[in-house]
Amino acid sequence: MRDTMMAPMHFHWYKSEDIINRGGGVLKIKVYQDDGEGGLSNEDVLLNMDGCSKKVPAGYCVTLLPGESVTIWPHQYHEFHAVPGTGSVLIGEVSQCNDDNEDNRFYEPSGRFPAIEEDEPPYRLLCNEYPLPEGSFGPDQG
């Protein structure tokens, strides 16, 4: 992640994940609990950072230096960015398997992939644009 980028506020319905700063600059992650209605709760957030558990207030910003990690649990809103001026961050994620189409809840609705107005045939495809092999099931076919 370049130090001008941000991952938007979201949570996962089922997936837990460890976010790891693998190297480079400093990573900041803001956390909230889901209020059960899609909003941000004011209740404290339970975090596990490098094997230590602690409760932090809603809206807390976790700072991850290279080599540090945090566990994000289901229904914990999080957004993250590289701290400007510290350089790009190589982010690692170790997580449960999930379906991005069904498991992500964005605080401000957004599409998974931007709409693209093609003015020539694509020479690289997005992961959801590859044709399915004959006889396979698509995402809407169970």
C-alpha atoms as a PDB file:
ATOM      1  CA  MET A   1       0.000   0.000   0.000  1.00  0.00           C
ATOM      2  CA  ARG A   2       1.459   3.311  -1.056  1.00  0.00           C
ATOM      3  CA  ASP A   3       1.409   6.060   1.542  1.00  0.00           C
ATOM      4  CA  THR A   4      -1.298   7.919  -0.399  1.00  0.00           C
ATOM      5  CA  MET A   5      -3.775   4.997  -0.350  1.00  0.00           C
ATOM      6  CA  MET A   6      -6.555   4.006   2.063  1.00  0.00           C
ATOM      7  CA  ALA A   7      -8.693   0.882   2.439  1.00  0.00           C
ATOM      8  CA  PRO A   8     -12.273   2.005   3.188  1.00  0.00           C
ATOM      9  CA  MET A   9     -14.165   1.329   6.425  1.00  0.00           C
ATOM     10  CA  HIS A  10     -15.654  -2.180   6.336  1.00  0.00           C
ATOM     11  CA  PHE A  11     -16.178  -5.342   8.338  1.00  0.00           C
ATOM     12  CA  HIS A  12     -16.603  -9.023   7.557  1.00  0.00           C
ATOM     13  CA  TRP A  13     -19.707 -10.971   8.583  1.00  0.00           C
ATOM     14  CA  TYR A  14     -17.786 -14.229   9.158  1.00  0.00           C
ATOM     15  CA  LYS A  15     -14.078 -13.847   8.437  1.00  0.00           C
ATOM     16  CA  SER A  16     -11.434 -13.042  11.020  1.00  0.00           C
ATOM     17  CA  GLU A  17      -8.056 -11.874   9.780  1.00  0.00           C
ATOM     18  CA  ASP A  18      -4.577 -11.056  10.956  1.00  0.00           C
ATOM     19  CA  ILE A  19      -3.220  -7.923   9.315  1.00  0.00           C
ATOM     20  CA  ILE A  20       0.568  -7.806   9.326  1.00  0.00           C
ATOM     21  CA  ASN A  21       2.936  -4.971   8.506  1.00  0.00           C
ATOM     22  CA  ARG A  22       5.534  -7.013   6.599  1.00  0.00           C
ATOM     23  CA  GLY A  23       7.840  -4.069   6.022  1.00  0.00           C
ATOM     24  CA  GLY A  24       8.272  -0.541   4.770  1.00  0.00           C
ATOM     25  CA  GLY A  25       6.414   2.337   6.405  1.00  0.00           C
ATOM     26  CA  VAL A  26       3.938   2.601   9.260  1.00  0.00           C
ATOM     27  CA  LEU A  27       0.374   1.244   8.982  1.00  0.00           C
ATOM     28  CA  LYS A  28      -2.582   2.805  10.856  1.00  0.00           C
ATOM     29  CA  ILE A  29      -5.854   0.895  11.345  1.00  0.00           C
ATOM     30  CA  LYS A  30      -8.960   2.604  12.792  1.00  0.00           C
ATOM     31  CA  VAL A  31     -11.399   0.204  14.507  1.00  0.00           C
ATOM     32  CA  TYR A  32     -15.049   0.196  15.631  1.00  0.00           C
ATOM     33  CA  GLN A  33     -17.578  -2.481  16.518  1.00  0.00           C
ATOM     34  CA  ASP A  34     -20.635  -2.916  14.286  1.00  0.00           C
ATOM     35  CA  ASP A  35     -23.728  -1.583  16.072  1.00  0.00           C
ATOM     36  CA  GLY A  36     -25.905  -4.366  14.611  1.00  0.00           C
ATOM     37  CA  GLU A  37     -27.647  -1.982  12.210  1.00  0.00           C
ATOM     38  CA  GLY A  38     -24.733  -1.228   9.877  1.00  0.00           C
ATOM     39  CA  GLY A  39     -23.446   1.723  11.877  1.00  0.00           C
ATOM     40  CA  LEU A  40     -20.455   2.353  14.101  1.00  0.00           C
ATOM     41  CA  SER A  41     -20.866   1.438  17.773  1.00  0.00           C
ATOM     42  CA  ASN A  42     -19.473   3.501  20.642  1.00  0.00           C
ATOM     43  CA  GLU A  43     -18.575   0.351  22.592  1.00  0.00           C
ATOM     44  CA  ASP A  44     -14.965  -0.672  23.209  1.00  0.00           C
ATOM     45  CA  VAL A  45     -13.222  -2.941  20.707  1.00  0.00           C
ATOM     46  CA  LEU A  46     -11.355  -6.110  21.710  1.00  0.00           C
ATOM     47  CA  LEU A  47      -8.036  -6.328  19.867  1.00  0.00           C
ATOM     48  CA  ASN A  48      -5.381  -9.003  19.825  1.00  0.00           C
ATOM     49  CA  MET A  49      -2.006  -7.537  18.934  1.00  0.00           C
ATOM     50  CA  ASP A  50       0.980  -9.844  18.649  1.00  0.00           C
ATOM     51  CA  GLY A  51      -0.490 -12.249  21.219  1.00  0.00           C
ATOM     52  CA  CYS A  52      -1.729  -9.645  23.718  1.00  0.00           C
ATOM     53  CA  SER A  53      -5.440  -8.853  24.178  1.00  0.00           C
ATOM     54  CA  LYS A  54      -6.697  -5.419  25.120  1.00  0.00           C
ATOM     55  CA  LYS A  55      -9.834  -3.318  24.865  1.00  0.00           C
ATOM     56  CA  VAL A  56      -9.554   0.016  23.076  1.00  0.00           C
ATOM     57  CA  PRO A  57     -12.129   2.801  22.675  1.00  0.00           C
ATOM     58  CA  ALA A  58     -14.271   3.072  19.529  1.00  0.00           C
ATOM     59  CA  GLY A  59     -12.380   4.925  16.790  1.00  0.00           C
ATOM     60  CA  TYR A  60      -8.974   3.901  18.163  1.00  0.00           C
ATOM     61  CA  CYS A  61      -6.121   3.935  15.636  1.00  0.00           C
ATOM     62  CA  VAL A  62      -3.815   0.942  15.900  1.00  0.00           C
ATOM     63  CA  THR A  63      -0.251   1.695  14.792  1.00  0.00           C
ATOM     64  CA  LEU A  64       1.640  -1.208  13.220  1.00  0.00           C
ATOM     65  CA  LEU A  65       5.371  -0.878  12.748  1.00  0.00           C
ATOM     66  CA  PRO A  66       7.168  -3.340  10.456  1.00  0.00           C
ATOM     67  CA  GLY A  67       6.810  -6.842  11.908  1.00  0.00           C
ATOM     68  CA  GLU A  68       3.732  -6.078  14.035  1.00  0.00           C
ATOM     69  CA  SER A  69       0.234  -7.512  13.541  1.00  0.00           C
ATOM     70  CA  VAL A  70      -3.354  -7.226  14.748  1.00  0.00           C
ATOM     71  CA  THR A  71      -6.301  -9.628  14.644  1.00  0.00           C
ATOM     72  CA  ILE A  72      -9.566  -8.212  13.309  1.00  0.00           C
ATOM     73  CA  TRP A  73     -12.639 -10.206  14.351  1.00  0.00           C
ATOM     74  CA  PRO A  74     -15.995 -10.501  12.528  1.00  0.00           C
ATOM     75  CA  HIS A  75     -18.203  -7.409  12.914  1.00  0.00           C
ATOM     76  CA  GLN A  76     -15.208  -5.172  13.693  1.00  0.00           C
ATOM     77  CA  TYR A  77     -15.193  -2.230  11.318  1.00  0.00           C
ATOM     78  CA  HIS A  78     -11.697  -1.298  10.152  1.00  0.00           C
ATOM     79  CA  GLU A  79     -10.063   1.065   7.692  1.00  0.00           C
ATOM     80  CA  PHE A  80      -6.366   1.392   7.164  1.00  0.00           C
ATOM     81  CA  HIS A  81      -3.738   3.483   5.456  1.00  0.00           C
ATOM     82  CA  ALA A  82       0.010   3.869   5.268  1.00  0.00           C
ATOM     83  CA  VAL A  83       1.147   6.899   7.246  1.00  0.00           C
ATOM     84  CA  PRO A  84       2.158   9.613   4.760  1.00  0.00           C
ATOM     85  CA  GLY A  85       5.879  10.247   4.685  1.00  0.00           C
ATOM     86  CA  THR A  86       6.827   6.829   6.122  1.00  0.00           C
ATOM     87  CA  GLY A  87       6.869   5.040   2.768  1.00  0.00           C
ATOM     88  CA  SER A  88       4.814   2.281   1.219  1.00  0.00           C
ATOM     89  CA  VAL A  89       3.815  -0.690   3.391  1.00  0.00           C
ATOM     90  CA  LEU A  90       3.892  -4.346   2.410  1.00  0.00           C
ATOM     91  CA  ILE A  91       0.706  -5.663   4.055  1.00  0.00           C
ATOM     92  CA  GLY A  92       0.172  -9.342   4.731  1.00  0.00           C
ATOM     93  CA  GLU A  93      -3.160 -10.926   5.577  1.00  0.00           C
ATOM     94  CA  VAL A  94      -3.714 -14.334   7.103  1.00  0.00           C
ATOM     95  CA  SER A  95      -7.424 -15.048   7.208  1.00  0.00           C
ATOM     96  CA  GLN A  96     -10.205 -17.520   7.043  1.00  0.00           C
ATOM     97  CA  CYS A  97     -11.484 -18.382   3.592  1.00  0.00           C
ATOM     98  CA  ASN A  98     -14.325 -16.100   2.528  1.00  0.00           C
ATOM     99  CA  ASP A  99     -16.481 -14.995  -0.371  1.00  0.00           C
ATOM    100  CA  ASP A 100     -15.861 -11.287  -0.947  1.00  0.00           C
ATOM    101  CA  ASN A 101     -19.286 -10.911  -2.567  1.00  0.00           C
ATOM    102  CA  GLU A 102     -21.059 -12.170   0.567  1.00  0.00           C
ATOM    103  CA  ASP A 103     -18.726 -11.414   3.503  1.00  0.00           C
ATOM    104  CA  ASN A 104     -17.864  -7.719   3.134  1.00  0.00           C
ATOM    105  CA  ARG A 105     -19.980  -4.944   4.657  1.00  0.00           C
ATOM    106  CA  PHE A 106     -18.771  -1.471   3.683  1.00  0.00           C
ATOM    107  CA  TYR A 107     -19.770   1.464   5.884  1.00  0.00           C
ATOM    108  CA  GLU A 108     -20.245   3.576   2.763  1.00  0.00           C
ATOM    109  CA  PRO A 109     -21.571   1.305  -0.006  1.00  0.00           C
ATOM    110  CA  SER A 110     -19.172   0.742  -2.884  1.00  0.00           C
ATOM    111  CA  GLY A 111     -18.739  -1.795  -5.634  1.00  0.00           C
ATOM    112  CA  ARG A 112     -16.122  -4.512  -5.444  1.00  0.00           C
ATOM    113  CA  PHE A 113     -14.708  -3.575  -8.840  1.00  0.00           C
ATOM    114  CA  PRO A 114     -15.091  -0.224 -10.607  1.00  0.00           C
ATOM    115  CA  ALA A 115     -17.149  -0.044 -13.780  1.00  0.00           C
ATOM    116  CA  ILE A 116     -14.946   0.101 -16.843  1.00  0.00           C
ATOM    117  CA  GLU A 117     -16.051   1.593 -20.123  1.00  0.00           C
ATOM    118  CA  GLU A 118     -14.070  -0.422 -22.639  1.00  0.00           C
ATOM    119  CA  ASP A 119     -12.909   1.392 -25.771  1.00  0.00           C
ATOM    120  CA  GLU A 120     -10.817  -1.558 -26.959  1.00  0.00           C
ATOM    121  CA  PRO A 121     -10.667  -5.293 -26.154  1.00  0.00           C
ATOM    122  CA  PRO A 122      -9.078  -5.958 -22.753  1.00  0.00           C
ATOM    123  CA  TYR A 123      -5.658  -7.591 -22.764  1.00  0.00           C
ATOM    124  CA  ARG A 124      -5.890  -8.518 -19.041  1.00  0.00           C
ATOM    125  CA  LEU A 125      -9.049  -9.714 -17.302  1.00  0.00           C
ATOM    126  CA  LEU A 126     -10.286  -9.060 -13.768  1.00  0.00           C
ATOM    127  CA  CYS A 127     -10.767 -12.189 -11.665  1.00  0.00           C
ATOM    128  CA  ASN A 128     -14.540 -12.078 -12.191  1.00  0.00           C
ATOM    129  CA  GLU A 129     -14.266 -11.747 -15.998  1.00  0.00           C
ATOM    130  CA  TYR A 130     -12.767 -15.133 -16.844  1.00  0.00           C
ATOM    131  CA  PRO A 131     -15.161 -17.512 -18.605  1.00  0.00           C
ATOM    132  CA  LEU A 132     -16.280 -20.512 -16.554  1.00  0.00           C
ATOM    133  CA  PRO A 133     -15.265 -23.960 -17.824  1.00  0.00           C
ATOM    134  CA  GLU A 134     -18.151 -25.872 -19.402  1.00  0.00           C
ATOM    135  CA  GLY A 135     -20.139 -27.806 -16.793  1.00  0.00           C
ATOM    136  CA  SER A 136     -18.994 -25.671 -13.846  1.00  0.00           C
ATOM    137  CA  PHE A 137     -21.315 -23.707 -11.598  1.00  0.00           C
ATOM    138  CA  GLY A 138     -21.283 -19.938 -11.525  1.00  0.00           C
ATOM    139  CA  PRO A 139     -21.780 -17.919  -8.312  1.00  0.00           C
ATOM    140  CA  ASP A 140     -25.564 -17.773  -8.827  1.00  0.00           C
ATOM    141  CA  GLN A 141     -25.954 -21.466  -9.658  1.00  0.00           C
ATOM    142  CA  GLY A 142     -25.166 -22.994  -6.269  1.00  0.00           C
END
